[in-house]
Amino acid sequence: MRTRDTTLYAAHLIPLAAVWGASYLFIEVAIEELAPTVLMEARLLLATAVLGALLVARDGGRATWLSLRRLWRPTLVLGFLNAAVPFTLIAWGQTRIDSGVAGITIATVPIFVVLLALRFRRSERVSGLRLAGVLLGLAGVGVLAGVAPVGGLAAVVGIVATTTASLCYAAGTLYTQIKLEDISPILIALATTFGGALLLLPAAAVEAPSSAPSLKVIGAVLALAVLGTALAQAVYYRMVPLFGSTRASLISYVVPPVALIYGTLLLDEPLTLGAVLGLGLILAGVALGSGAARRRAAVI
């Protein structure tokens, strides 16, 4: 049973990491011509169309609409926590930092899950090695921002923005586990993208471009919406009830190295000392803070 569970977990984790790691690459390409709010509104609208079509094909149009109506509150909460705010913060942050650095900061999601669980899931108390892991991971963010970041103060501000996005993702993960345990993953994903698109629409309308973007940017937006949002959201929300919020959030282990590799190889981004040290500290902190290192030792 343990082997089968590990195989199922890997079957979700590896493709999701590859797709989410590439999302920062797609964002980096698209923000050359589109404002962060416009880019993310397009991402959410396209993802909503894809997820809506899948759900309508499965359940029918009326049933899909009734399901969304019943979930109006989670639609707004998840649209805020897991879409509109973090998506925009990441895109805005990437106007100041490299895509690989943005990916590294998102590795703090499991650390914030542990911290938020102290308030909202008191059974998951943190002490000893897990507490040390939380502090180590946060120190990693400090190193990332403080060891001569490329871009100076602007880069520090960008790192703060993307780390705040990580906090939003952690809150959304816990909310999903606590409130939506029995809801279809595709429906949760649709509610998230739909709610995010609604909340972000006014800001995106104000910053709408006066001319059409290039084909390169259109391709990046399509890849970001279909692969990095519609597909990724559906897979992630399936992982939360299957494996729990802490284990699901360990996707953050794999995404940062993938994002760093994409950025270095495809965008010629520099591989800095601060990025390497920050990544190491954050991933070590995640391992200790989430209890993953202890679980691994127990298995071995």
Protein backbone atom coordinates (compact mmCIF):
# COMPACT_ATOMS: atom_id res chain seq x y z
CA MET A 1 0.00 0.00 0.00
CA ARG A 2 2.85 2.36 0.84
CA THR A 3 4.53 1.77 -2.55
CA ARG A 4 1.26 2.33 -4.39
CA ASP A 5 0.65 5.55 -2.45
CA THR A 6 4.16 6.80 -3.24
CA THR A 7 3.71 6.01 -6.92
CA LEU A 8 0.38 7.85 -7.02
CA TYR A 9 1.93 10.82 -5.25
CA ALA A 10 4.85 10.93 -7.71
CA ALA A 11 2.44 10.65 -10.65
CA HIS A 12 0.82 13.89 -9.48
CA LEU A 13 3.92 15.66 -8.21
CA ILE A 14 6.36 15.32 -11.11
CA PRO A 15 4.14 16.59 -13.98
CA LEU A 16 2.79 19.37 -11.77
CA ALA A 17 6.31 20.52 -10.87
CA ALA A 18 7.34 20.55 -14.53
CA VAL A 19 4.32 22.65 -15.51
CA TRP A 20 4.38 25.03 -12.54
CA GLY A 21 8.14 25.49 -12.87
CA ALA A 22 7.60 26.60 -16.47
CA SER A 23 4.92 29.09 -15.42
CA TYR A 24 7.56 31.58 -14.26
CA LEU A 25 9.20 31.30 -17.67
CA PHE A 26 5.90 32.04 -19.43
CA ILE A 27 5.27 35.01 -17.12
CA GLU A 28 8.74 36.38 -17.81
CA VAL A 29 8.02 36.32 -21.56
CA ALA A 30 4.52 37.80 -21.31
CA ILE A 31 5.27 40.72 -18.95
CA GLU A 32 7.49 42.21 -21.64
CA GLU A 33 4.29 43.48 -23.29
CA LEU A 34 1.43 43.03 -20.81
CA ALA A 35 0.78 44.61 -17.42
CA PRO A 36 0.67 42.05 -14.57
CA THR A 37 -3.08 42.52 -14.02
CA VAL A 38 -3.86 42.15 -17.73
CA LEU A 39 -1.67 39.07 -18.06
CA MET A 40 -3.25 37.37 -15.06
CA GLU A 41 -6.79 38.31 -16.10
CA ALA A 42 -6.17 36.69 -19.49
CA ARG A 43 -4.68 33.67 -17.72
CA LEU A 44 -7.70 33.28 -15.46
CA LEU A 45 -10.31 33.84 -18.16
CA LEU A 46 -8.76 31.26 -20.46
CA ALA A 47 -8.30 28.76 -17.63
CA THR A 48 -11.94 29.30 -16.59
CA ALA A 49 -13.06 28.54 -20.15
CA VAL A 50 -11.03 25.31 -20.24
CA LEU A 51 -12.12 24.11 -16.80
CA GLY A 52 -15.73 25.15 -17.44
CA ALA A 53 -15.80 23.18 -20.70
CA LEU A 54 -14.44 20.09 -18.93
CA LEU A 55 -16.99 20.34 -16.14
CA VAL A 56 -19.90 21.02 -18.51
CA ALA A 57 -18.88 17.98 -20.58
CA ARG A 58 -18.89 15.88 -17.40
CA ASP A 59 -21.89 17.24 -15.48
CA GLY A 60 -23.87 19.37 -17.94
CA GLY A 61 -24.26 23.14 -18.10
CA ARG A 62 -27.10 23.50 -15.58
CA ALA A 63 -25.44 21.28 -12.97
CA THR A 64 -22.15 23.16 -13.36
CA TRP A 65 -23.82 26.53 -12.87
CA LEU A 66 -25.79 25.33 -9.84
CA SER A 67 -22.61 23.95 -8.30
CA LEU A 68 -20.84 27.28 -8.76
CA ARG A 69 -23.78 29.13 -7.25
CA ARG A 70 -23.68 26.92 -4.16
CA LEU A 71 -19.96 27.64 -3.83
CA TRP A 72 -20.18 31.41 -4.22
CA ARG A 73 -18.34 32.10 -0.96
CA PRO A 74 -15.43 29.67 -1.62
CA THR A 75 -15.32 31.03 -5.17
CA LEU A 76 -14.54 34.50 -3.86
CA VAL A 77 -12.21 33.30 -1.08
CA LEU A 78 -10.16 31.02 -3.32
CA GLY A 79 -10.29 33.51 -6.17
CA PHE A 80 -8.68 36.01 -3.81
CA LEU A 81 -6.20 33.72 -2.01
CA ASN A 82 -5.16 31.34 -4.77
CA ALA A 83 -5.55 33.40 -7.93
CA ALA A 84 -6.10 37.17 -8.16
CA VAL A 85 -3.71 38.32 -5.43
CA PRO A 86 -0.82 35.81 -5.65
CA PHE A 87 -0.85 35.67 -9.45
CA THR A 88 -0.61 39.45 -9.69
CA LEU A 89 2.05 39.67 -6.97
CA ILE A 90 4.20 37.09 -8.75
CA ALA A 91 3.91 38.81 -12.13
CA TRP A 92 4.57 42.21 -10.55
CA GLY A 93 7.50 40.77 -8.61
CA GLN A 94 8.96 39.32 -11.80
CA THR A 95 9.23 42.81 -13.26
CA ARG A 96 11.94 43.25 -10.60
CA ILE A 97 13.47 39.79 -10.14
CA ASP A 98 14.37 36.82 -12.35
CA SER A 99 11.90 34.01 -12.93
CA GLY A 100 14.13 31.52 -11.08
CA VAL A 101 14.26 33.71 -7.97
CA ALA A 102 10.47 34.05 -8.03
CA GLY A 103 10.18 30.27 -8.14
CA ILE A 104 12.49 29.94 -5.15
CA THR A 105 10.39 32.25 -2.96
CA ILE A 106 7.27 30.16 -3.65
CA ALA A 107 9.08 27.27 -1.97
CA THR A 108 8.08 28.85 1.35
CA VAL A 109 4.45 27.71 0.93
CA PRO A 110 4.80 24.65 3.24
CA ILE A 111 6.46 26.82 5.89
CA PHE A 112 3.54 29.23 5.86
CA VAL A 113 1.12 26.27 5.93
CA VAL A 114 2.77 25.12 9.17
CA LEU A 115 2.62 28.63 10.67
CA LEU A 116 -1.03 29.19 9.71
CA ALA A 117 -1.95 25.73 11.00
CA LEU A 118 -1.01 26.92 14.49
CA ARG A 119 -4.06 29.16 14.38
CA PHE A 120 -6.47 27.25 12.19
CA ARG A 121 -5.50 23.60 12.85
CA ARG A 122 -4.20 23.57 16.41
CA SER A 123 -3.61 19.81 16.30
CA GLU A 124 -0.59 20.47 14.07
CA ARG A 125 1.66 22.07 16.68
CA VAL A 126 5.21 23.00 15.75
CA SER A 127 8.16 22.39 18.07
CA GLY A 128 11.69 21.03 18.00
CA LEU A 129 13.00 20.31 14.51
CA ARG A 130 9.81 21.54 12.82
CA LEU A 131 10.12 24.92 14.53
CA ALA A 132 13.79 25.05 13.56
CA GLY A 133 12.76 24.29 9.98
CA VAL A 134 10.31 27.18 9.90
CA LEU A 135 12.99 29.58 11.13
CA LEU A 136 15.54 28.15 8.70
CA GLY A 137 13.20 28.59 5.74
CA LEU A 138 12.42 32.17 6.66
CA ALA A 139 16.16 32.78 7.01
CA GLY A 140 16.50 31.47 3.46
CA VAL A 141 14.18 34.19 2.21
CA GLY A 142 16.30 36.72 4.09
CA VAL A 143 19.46 35.39 2.45
CA LEU A 144 17.79 35.46 -0.95
CA ALA A 145 16.86 39.10 -0.46
CA GLY A 146 20.03 40.16 1.34
CA VAL A 147 23.02 38.53 -0.38
CA ALA A 148 23.61 41.09 -3.13
CA PRO A 149 20.39 40.42 -5.07
CA VAL A 150 20.57 41.31 -8.76
CA GLY A 151 18.55 44.54 -9.01
CA GLY A 152 19.27 45.96 -5.54
CA LEU A 153 16.36 47.42 -3.57
CA ALA A 154 13.93 46.81 -6.43
CA ALA A 155 14.81 43.10 -6.26
CA VAL A 156 14.17 43.05 -2.50
CA VAL A 157 10.72 44.53 -3.08
CA GLY A 158 10.07 41.91 -5.76
CA ILE A 159 11.10 39.12 -3.39
CA VAL A 160 8.76 40.48 -0.71
CA ALA A 161 5.91 40.50 -3.25
CA THR A 162 6.44 36.91 -4.38
CA THR A 163 6.90 35.70 -0.78
CA THR A 164 3.58 37.33 0.10
CA ALA A 165 2.07 35.37 -2.78
CA SER A 166 3.43 32.25 -1.09
CA LEU A 167 1.59 33.17 2.11
CA CYS A 168 -1.64 33.53 0.10
CA TYR A 169 -1.17 30.08 -1.43
CA ALA A 170 -0.65 28.58 2.03
CA ALA A 171 -3.86 30.13 3.31
CA GLY A 172 -5.74 28.88 0.26
CA THR A 173 -4.38 25.36 0.75
CA LEU A 174 -5.56 25.20 4.36
CA TYR A 175 -8.94 26.71 3.46
CA THR A 176 -9.43 24.03 0.82
CA GLN A 177 -8.59 21.21 3.21
CA ILE A 178 -10.79 22.54 6.00
CA LYS A 179 -13.83 23.74 4.03
CA LEU A 180 -13.89 21.84 0.72
CA GLU A 181 -12.70 18.34 1.51
CA ASP A 182 -15.57 16.61 -0.32
CA ILE A 183 -15.78 18.89 -3.37
CA SER A 184 -14.62 17.79 -6.83
CA PRO A 185 -11.07 19.02 -7.60
CA ILE A 186 -12.12 20.32 -11.02
CA LEU A 187 -15.00 22.26 -9.49
CA ILE A 188 -12.68 23.81 -6.89
CA ALA A 189 -10.23 24.75 -9.65
CA LEU A 190 -13.04 26.31 -11.71
CA ALA A 191 -14.32 28.24 -8.69
CA THR A 192 -10.79 29.53 -8.07
CA THR A 193 -10.13 30.76 -11.60
CA PHE A 194 -13.66 32.15 -12.03
CA GLY A 195 -13.52 34.01 -8.71
CA GLY A 196 -10.04 35.32 -9.45
CA ALA A 197 -11.11 36.56 -12.89
CA LEU A 198 -14.08 38.41 -11.38
CA LEU A 199 -11.98 40.07 -8.68
CA LEU A 200 -9.17 41.07 -11.03
CA LEU A 201 -11.35 42.32 -13.90
CA PRO A 202 -11.65 46.01 -12.82
CA ALA A 203 -7.88 46.46 -12.42
CA ALA A 204 -7.15 44.64 -15.67
CA ALA A 205 -9.67 46.79 -17.56
CA VAL A 206 -7.90 49.95 -16.42
CA GLU A 207 -4.51 48.67 -17.66
CA ALA A 208 -5.72 47.04 -20.89
CA PRO A 209 -3.22 47.49 -23.76
CA SER A 210 -4.05 49.70 -26.75
CA SER A 211 -2.69 47.15 -29.26
CA ALA A 212 -2.59 43.38 -29.61
CA PRO A 213 0.44 41.56 -28.15
CA SER A 214 2.92 39.63 -30.29
CA LEU A 215 2.45 35.97 -31.20
CA LYS A 216 5.23 35.04 -28.77
CA VAL A 217 3.35 36.64 -25.89
CA ILE A 218 0.03 35.14 -26.97
CA GLY A 219 1.67 31.71 -26.97
CA ALA A 220 3.09 32.29 -23.49
CA VAL A 221 -0.33 33.36 -22.18
CA LEU A 222 -2.00 30.29 -23.68
CA ALA A 223 0.60 27.95 -22.19
CA LEU A 224 0.33 29.70 -18.82
CA ALA A 225 -3.48 29.49 -18.83
CA VAL A 226 -4.00 25.95 -20.12
CA LEU A 227 -0.99 24.16 -18.62
CA GLY A 228 0.09 26.34 -15.71
CA THR A 229 -3.42 27.13 -14.48
CA ALA A 230 -6.27 24.91 -15.72
CA LEU A 231 -4.34 21.64 -15.68
CA ALA A 232 -2.17 22.53 -12.69
CA GLN A 233 -5.08 23.74 -10.53
CA ALA A 234 -7.08 20.58 -11.22
CA VAL A 235 -4.14 18.35 -10.32
CA TYR A 236 -3.23 20.33 -7.19
CA TYR A 237 -6.77 20.38 -5.81
CA ARG A 238 -6.90 16.64 -6.34
CA MET A 239 -3.70 16.26 -4.31
CA VAL A 240 -4.99 18.17 -1.27
CA PRO A 241 -7.75 15.67 -0.28
CA LEU A 242 -5.66 12.69 -1.39
CA PHE A 243 -2.46 13.54 0.48
CA GLY A 244 -3.31 16.42 2.88
CA SER A 245 -2.39 20.10 2.74
CA THR A 246 1.15 19.71 4.12
CA ARG A 247 2.13 16.88 1.77
CA ALA A 248 0.44 18.51 -1.22
CA SER A 249 2.31 21.76 -0.56
CA LEU A 250 5.60 19.86 -0.84
CA ILE A 251 5.28 20.51 -4.56
CA SER A 252 7.31 23.53 -3.48
CA TYR A 253 10.33 21.22 -3.10
CA VAL A 254 10.53 20.55 -6.82
CA VAL A 255 9.22 23.74 -8.46
CA PRO A 256 12.13 26.07 -7.44
CA PRO A 257 14.93 23.97 -8.98
CA VAL A 258 12.81 23.47 -12.11
CA ALA A 259 12.12 27.21 -12.38
CA LEU A 260 15.81 27.97 -11.80
CA ILE A 261 16.84 25.52 -14.53
CA TYR A 262 14.32 26.94 -17.01
CA GLY A 263 15.43 30.50 -16.27
CA THR A 264 19.14 29.71 -16.52
CA LEU A 265 18.97 27.60 -19.67
CA LEU A 266 16.18 29.31 -21.63
CA LEU A 267 16.31 32.93 -20.45
CA ASP A 268 20.05 33.24 -19.72
CA GLU A 269 19.33 34.36 -16.16
CA PRO A 270 22.39 34.42 -13.85
CA LEU A 271 22.80 31.67 -11.27
CA THR A 272 23.81 33.80 -8.27
CA LEU A 273 25.27 32.83 -4.92
CA GLY A 274 22.26 34.33 -3.13
CA ALA A 275 19.85 32.23 -5.20
CA VAL A 276 21.75 28.99 -4.51
CA LEU A 277 22.12 29.67 -0.76
CA GLY A 278 18.54 30.86 -0.41
CA LEU A 279 17.21 27.81 -2.25
CA GLY A 280 19.24 25.46 -0.06
CA LEU A 281 18.08 27.05 3.19
CA ILE A 282 14.44 27.24 2.12
CA LEU A 283 14.28 23.61 0.98
CA ALA A 284 16.05 22.44 4.14
CA GLY A 285 13.57 24.48 6.16
CA VAL A 286 10.65 22.98 4.25
CA ALA A 287 11.98 19.47 4.87
CA LEU A 288 12.23 20.06 8.62
CA GLY A 289 9.25 22.36 9.05
CA SER A 290 6.77 20.12 7.24
CA GLY A 291 8.03 16.97 8.94
CA ALA A 292 9.03 15.48 5.59
CA ALA A 293 12.60 14.76 6.70
CA ARG A 294 11.36 12.88 9.76
CA ARG A 295 8.86 10.88 7.67
CA ARG A 296 11.63 9.99 5.20
CA ALA A 297 13.93 8.84 8.00
CA ALA A 298 11.15 6.67 9.41
CA VAL A 299 10.63 4.99 6.04
CA ILE A 300 14.37 4.37 5.58
